[in-house]
Amino acid sequence: MHNRLKLSKEKRESMICAIQTYFLQERDEDLGELAASLILDFFLEKLAPEIYNQGIWDSHHYLSERLEDLLGIQI
């Protein structure tokens, strides 16, 4: 089951604007709203799940270490 990341209209518009700004500043390309929207969709579909999963793994690892610390203070 794939849970697609849902963005508010405002957040989506902000991200599209950020993509357009990046392309203009870094690549000197004037990217239209449709092109920026398609890039955002690609990132959300292909890259976001990997980043999310890495965050879950990092959180699990951190909490496991803290749990070991807690068990170390047993009497």
N, C-alpha and C. Protein backbone atom coordinates (compact mmCIF):
# COMPACT_ATOMS: atom_id res chain seq x y z
N MET A 1 0.84 -1.18 0.00
CA MET A 1 0.00 0.00 0.00
C MET A 1 0.88 1.25 0.00
N HIS A 2 0.62 2.15 -0.92
CA HIS A 2 1.39 3.38 -1.00
C HIS A 2 0.56 4.54 -0.46
N ASN A 3 1.10 5.21 0.51
CA ASN A 3 0.45 6.40 1.04
C ASN A 3 1.11 7.60 0.40
N ARG A 4 0.38 8.26 -0.45
CA ARG A 4 0.93 9.42 -1.13
C ARG A 4 0.94 10.61 -0.18
N LEU A 5 2.03 11.33 -0.17
CA LEU A 5 2.18 12.50 0.68
C LEU A 5 1.21 13.58 0.23
N LYS A 6 0.43 14.07 1.15
CA LYS A 6 -0.55 15.11 0.85
C LYS A 6 0.01 16.45 1.30
N LEU A 7 -0.04 17.42 0.41
CA LEU A 7 0.42 18.77 0.72
C LEU A 7 -0.76 19.72 0.66
N SER A 8 -0.75 20.69 1.55
CA SER A 8 -1.77 21.74 1.44
C SER A 8 -1.50 22.54 0.17
N LYS A 9 -2.51 23.23 -0.30
CA LYS A 9 -2.37 24.05 -1.51
C LYS A 9 -1.26 25.09 -1.31
N GLU A 10 -1.23 25.69 -0.13
CA GLU A 10 -0.23 26.72 0.16
C GLU A 10 1.19 26.14 0.15
N LYS A 11 1.35 24.96 0.77
CA LYS A 11 2.67 24.32 0.84
C LYS A 11 3.13 23.92 -0.55
N ARG A 12 2.21 23.37 -1.35
CA ARG A 12 2.55 22.97 -2.72
C ARG A 12 2.99 24.18 -3.54
N GLU A 13 2.22 25.26 -3.44
CA GLU A 13 2.58 26.49 -4.18
C GLU A 13 3.94 27.02 -3.73
N SER A 14 4.21 26.95 -2.44
CA SER A 14 5.49 27.41 -1.91
C SER A 14 6.65 26.55 -2.45
N MET A 15 6.44 25.24 -2.51
CA MET A 15 7.48 24.34 -3.02
C MET A 15 7.70 24.55 -4.51
N ILE A 16 6.64 24.76 -5.26
CA ILE A 16 6.77 25.02 -6.70
C ILE A 16 7.55 26.31 -6.91
N CYS A 17 7.24 27.32 -6.12
CA CYS A 17 7.97 28.59 -6.20
C CYS A 17 9.44 28.40 -5.86
N ALA A 18 9.73 27.57 -4.85
CA ALA A 18 11.12 27.30 -4.47
C ALA A 18 11.87 26.59 -5.59
N ILE A 19 11.20 25.67 -6.28
CA ILE A 19 11.83 24.97 -7.40
C ILE A 19 12.12 25.96 -8.53
N GLN A 20 11.16 26.82 -8.82
CA GLN A 20 11.36 27.82 -9.87
C GLN A 20 12.51 28.75 -9.53
N THR A 21 12.57 29.18 -8.28
CA THR A 21 13.65 30.06 -7.84
C THR A 21 15.00 29.37 -7.95
N TYR A 22 15.06 28.12 -7.53
CA TYR A 22 16.31 27.36 -7.62
C TYR A 22 16.79 27.28 -9.07
N PHE A 23 15.90 26.89 -9.96
CA PHE A 23 16.31 26.75 -11.36
C PHE A 23 16.76 28.08 -11.95
N LEU A 24 16.10 29.16 -11.57
CA LEU A 24 16.49 30.47 -12.08
C LEU A 24 17.84 30.91 -11.52
N GLN A 25 18.06 30.73 -10.24
CA GLN A 25 19.31 31.18 -9.60
C GLN A 25 20.48 30.27 -9.91
N GLU A 26 20.27 28.98 -9.90
CA GLU A 26 21.38 28.03 -10.03
C GLU A 26 21.64 27.60 -11.47
N ARG A 27 20.62 27.60 -12.30
CA ARG A 27 20.78 27.08 -13.66
C ARG A 27 20.45 28.12 -14.72
N ASP A 28 20.04 29.31 -14.27
CA ASP A 28 19.65 30.40 -15.17
C ASP A 28 18.57 29.94 -16.16
N GLU A 29 17.63 29.14 -15.63
CA GLU A 29 16.51 28.64 -16.43
C GLU A 29 15.21 29.16 -15.84
N ASP A 30 14.38 29.74 -16.69
CA ASP A 30 13.07 30.22 -16.26
C ASP A 30 12.08 29.07 -16.40
N LEU A 31 11.81 28.40 -15.32
CA LEU A 31 10.97 27.22 -15.31
C LEU A 31 9.52 27.62 -15.10
N GLY A 32 8.64 27.12 -15.93
CA GLY A 32 7.22 27.42 -15.78
C GLY A 32 6.61 26.66 -14.61
N GLU A 33 5.40 27.06 -14.27
CA GLU A 33 4.72 26.44 -13.13
C GLU A 33 4.44 24.96 -13.38
N LEU A 34 4.05 24.59 -14.60
CA LEU A 34 3.77 23.20 -14.91
C LEU A 34 5.02 22.34 -14.78
N ALA A 35 6.13 22.81 -15.33
CA ALA A 35 7.39 22.06 -15.25
C ALA A 35 7.82 21.89 -13.79
N ALA A 36 7.72 22.97 -13.01
CA ALA A 36 8.09 22.90 -11.60
C ALA A 36 7.16 21.94 -10.85
N SER A 37 5.88 21.94 -11.20
CA SER A 37 4.92 21.05 -10.57
C SER A 37 5.25 19.58 -10.88
N LEU A 38 5.65 19.31 -12.11
CA LEU A 38 6.01 17.94 -12.49
C LEU A 38 7.28 17.48 -11.77
N ILE A 39 8.22 18.39 -11.60
CA ILE A 39 9.44 18.06 -10.85
C ILE A 39 9.08 17.76 -9.40
N LEU A 40 8.22 18.59 -8.81
CA LEU A 40 7.78 18.34 -7.43
C LEU A 40 7.10 16.98 -7.31
N ASP A 41 6.21 16.66 -8.25
CA ASP A 41 5.54 15.37 -8.23
C ASP A 41 6.55 14.22 -8.30
N PHE A 42 7.56 14.37 -9.15
CA PHE A 42 8.60 13.34 -9.26
C PHE A 42 9.32 13.17 -7.92
N PHE A 43 9.73 14.28 -7.30
CA PHE A 43 10.42 14.21 -6.03
C PHE A 43 9.54 13.54 -4.96
N LEU A 44 8.27 13.92 -4.92
CA LEU A 44 7.37 13.36 -3.93
C LEU A 44 7.16 11.87 -4.14
N GLU A 45 7.09 11.45 -5.38
CA GLU A 45 6.84 10.04 -5.67
C GLU A 45 8.08 9.18 -5.51
N LYS A 46 9.22 9.65 -6.01
CA LYS A 46 10.43 8.81 -6.07
C LYS A 46 11.39 9.03 -4.91
N LEU A 47 11.51 10.25 -4.42
CA LEU A 47 12.52 10.54 -3.42
C LEU A 47 11.98 10.64 -1.99
N ALA A 48 10.80 11.21 -1.83
CA ALA A 48 10.26 11.42 -0.49
C ALA A 48 10.13 10.14 0.32
N PRO A 49 9.67 9.01 -0.28
CA PRO A 49 9.57 7.79 0.52
C PRO A 49 10.91 7.33 1.09
N GLU A 50 11.97 7.47 0.32
CA GLU A 50 13.29 7.07 0.81
C GLU A 50 13.75 7.97 1.95
N ILE A 51 13.51 9.25 1.82
CA ILE A 51 13.89 10.21 2.86
C ILE A 51 13.07 9.94 4.13
N TYR A 52 11.79 9.70 3.96
CA TYR A 52 10.91 9.38 5.08
C TYR A 52 11.39 8.12 5.79
N ASN A 53 11.66 7.08 5.01
CA ASN A 53 12.10 5.82 5.61
C ASN A 53 13.42 5.99 6.35
N GLN A 54 14.32 6.81 5.82
CA GLN A 54 15.58 7.06 6.52
C GLN A 54 15.32 7.78 7.84
N GLY A 55 14.38 8.70 7.85
CA GLY A 55 14.01 9.37 9.10
C GLY A 55 13.45 8.40 10.13
N ILE A 56 12.63 7.46 9.67
CA ILE A 56 12.09 6.44 10.57
C ILE A 56 13.23 5.59 11.14
N TRP A 57 14.15 5.17 10.28
CA TRP A 57 15.28 4.36 10.72
C TRP A 57 16.14 5.13 11.73
N ASP A 58 16.43 6.38 11.43
CA ASP A 58 17.24 7.20 12.33
C ASP A 58 16.55 7.36 13.68
N SER A 59 15.24 7.57 13.67
CA SER A 59 14.49 7.71 14.92
C SER A 59 14.53 6.41 15.72
N HIS A 60 14.36 5.29 15.03
CA HIS A 60 14.39 3.98 15.70
C HIS A 60 15.76 3.76 16.33
N HIS A 61 16.80 4.05 15.59
CA HIS A 61 18.16 3.86 16.10
C HIS A 61 18.40 4.75 17.33
N TYR A 62 17.99 6.01 17.25
CA TYR A 62 18.16 6.94 18.36
C TYR A 62 17.41 6.45 19.59
N LEU A 63 16.15 6.07 19.40
CA LEU A 63 15.36 5.62 20.55
C LEU A 63 15.89 4.31 21.13
N SER A 64 16.40 3.43 20.30
CA SER A 64 16.99 2.18 20.79
C SER A 64 18.20 2.47 21.67
N GLU A 65 19.01 3.42 21.26
CA GLU A 65 20.18 3.79 22.08
C GLU A 65 19.74 4.39 23.41
N ARG A 66 18.71 5.24 23.39
CA ARG A 66 18.22 5.85 24.63
C ARG A 66 17.63 4.78 25.54
N LEU A 67 16.96 3.79 24.97
CA LEU A 67 16.40 2.71 25.77
C LEU A 67 17.51 1.92 26.44
N GLU A 68 18.59 1.66 25.73
CA GLU A 68 19.74 0.97 26.33
C GLU A 68 20.29 1.79 27.48
N ASP A 69 20.36 3.13 27.32
CA ASP A 69 20.82 4.00 28.41
C ASP A 69 19.91 3.87 29.62
N LEU A 70 18.61 3.83 29.38
CA LEU A 70 17.64 3.73 30.46
C LEU A 70 17.78 2.40 31.20
N LEU A 71 17.95 1.33 30.45
CA LEU A 71 18.11 0.02 31.09
C LEU A 71 19.40 -0.05 31.90
N GLY A 72 20.35 0.76 31.56
CA GLY A 72 21.63 0.76 32.29
C GLY A 72 21.55 1.31 33.69
N ILE A 73 20.47 1.99 34.04
CA ILE A 73 20.36 2.56 35.40
C ILE A 73 19.53 1.68 36.33
N GLN A 74 19.23 0.46 35.89
CA GLN A 74 18.49 -0.45 36.76
C GLN A 74 19.31 -0.79 38.00
N ILE A 75 18.63 -1.05 39.06
CA ILE A 75 19.29 -1.43 40.32
C ILE A 75 19.33 -2.92 40.43
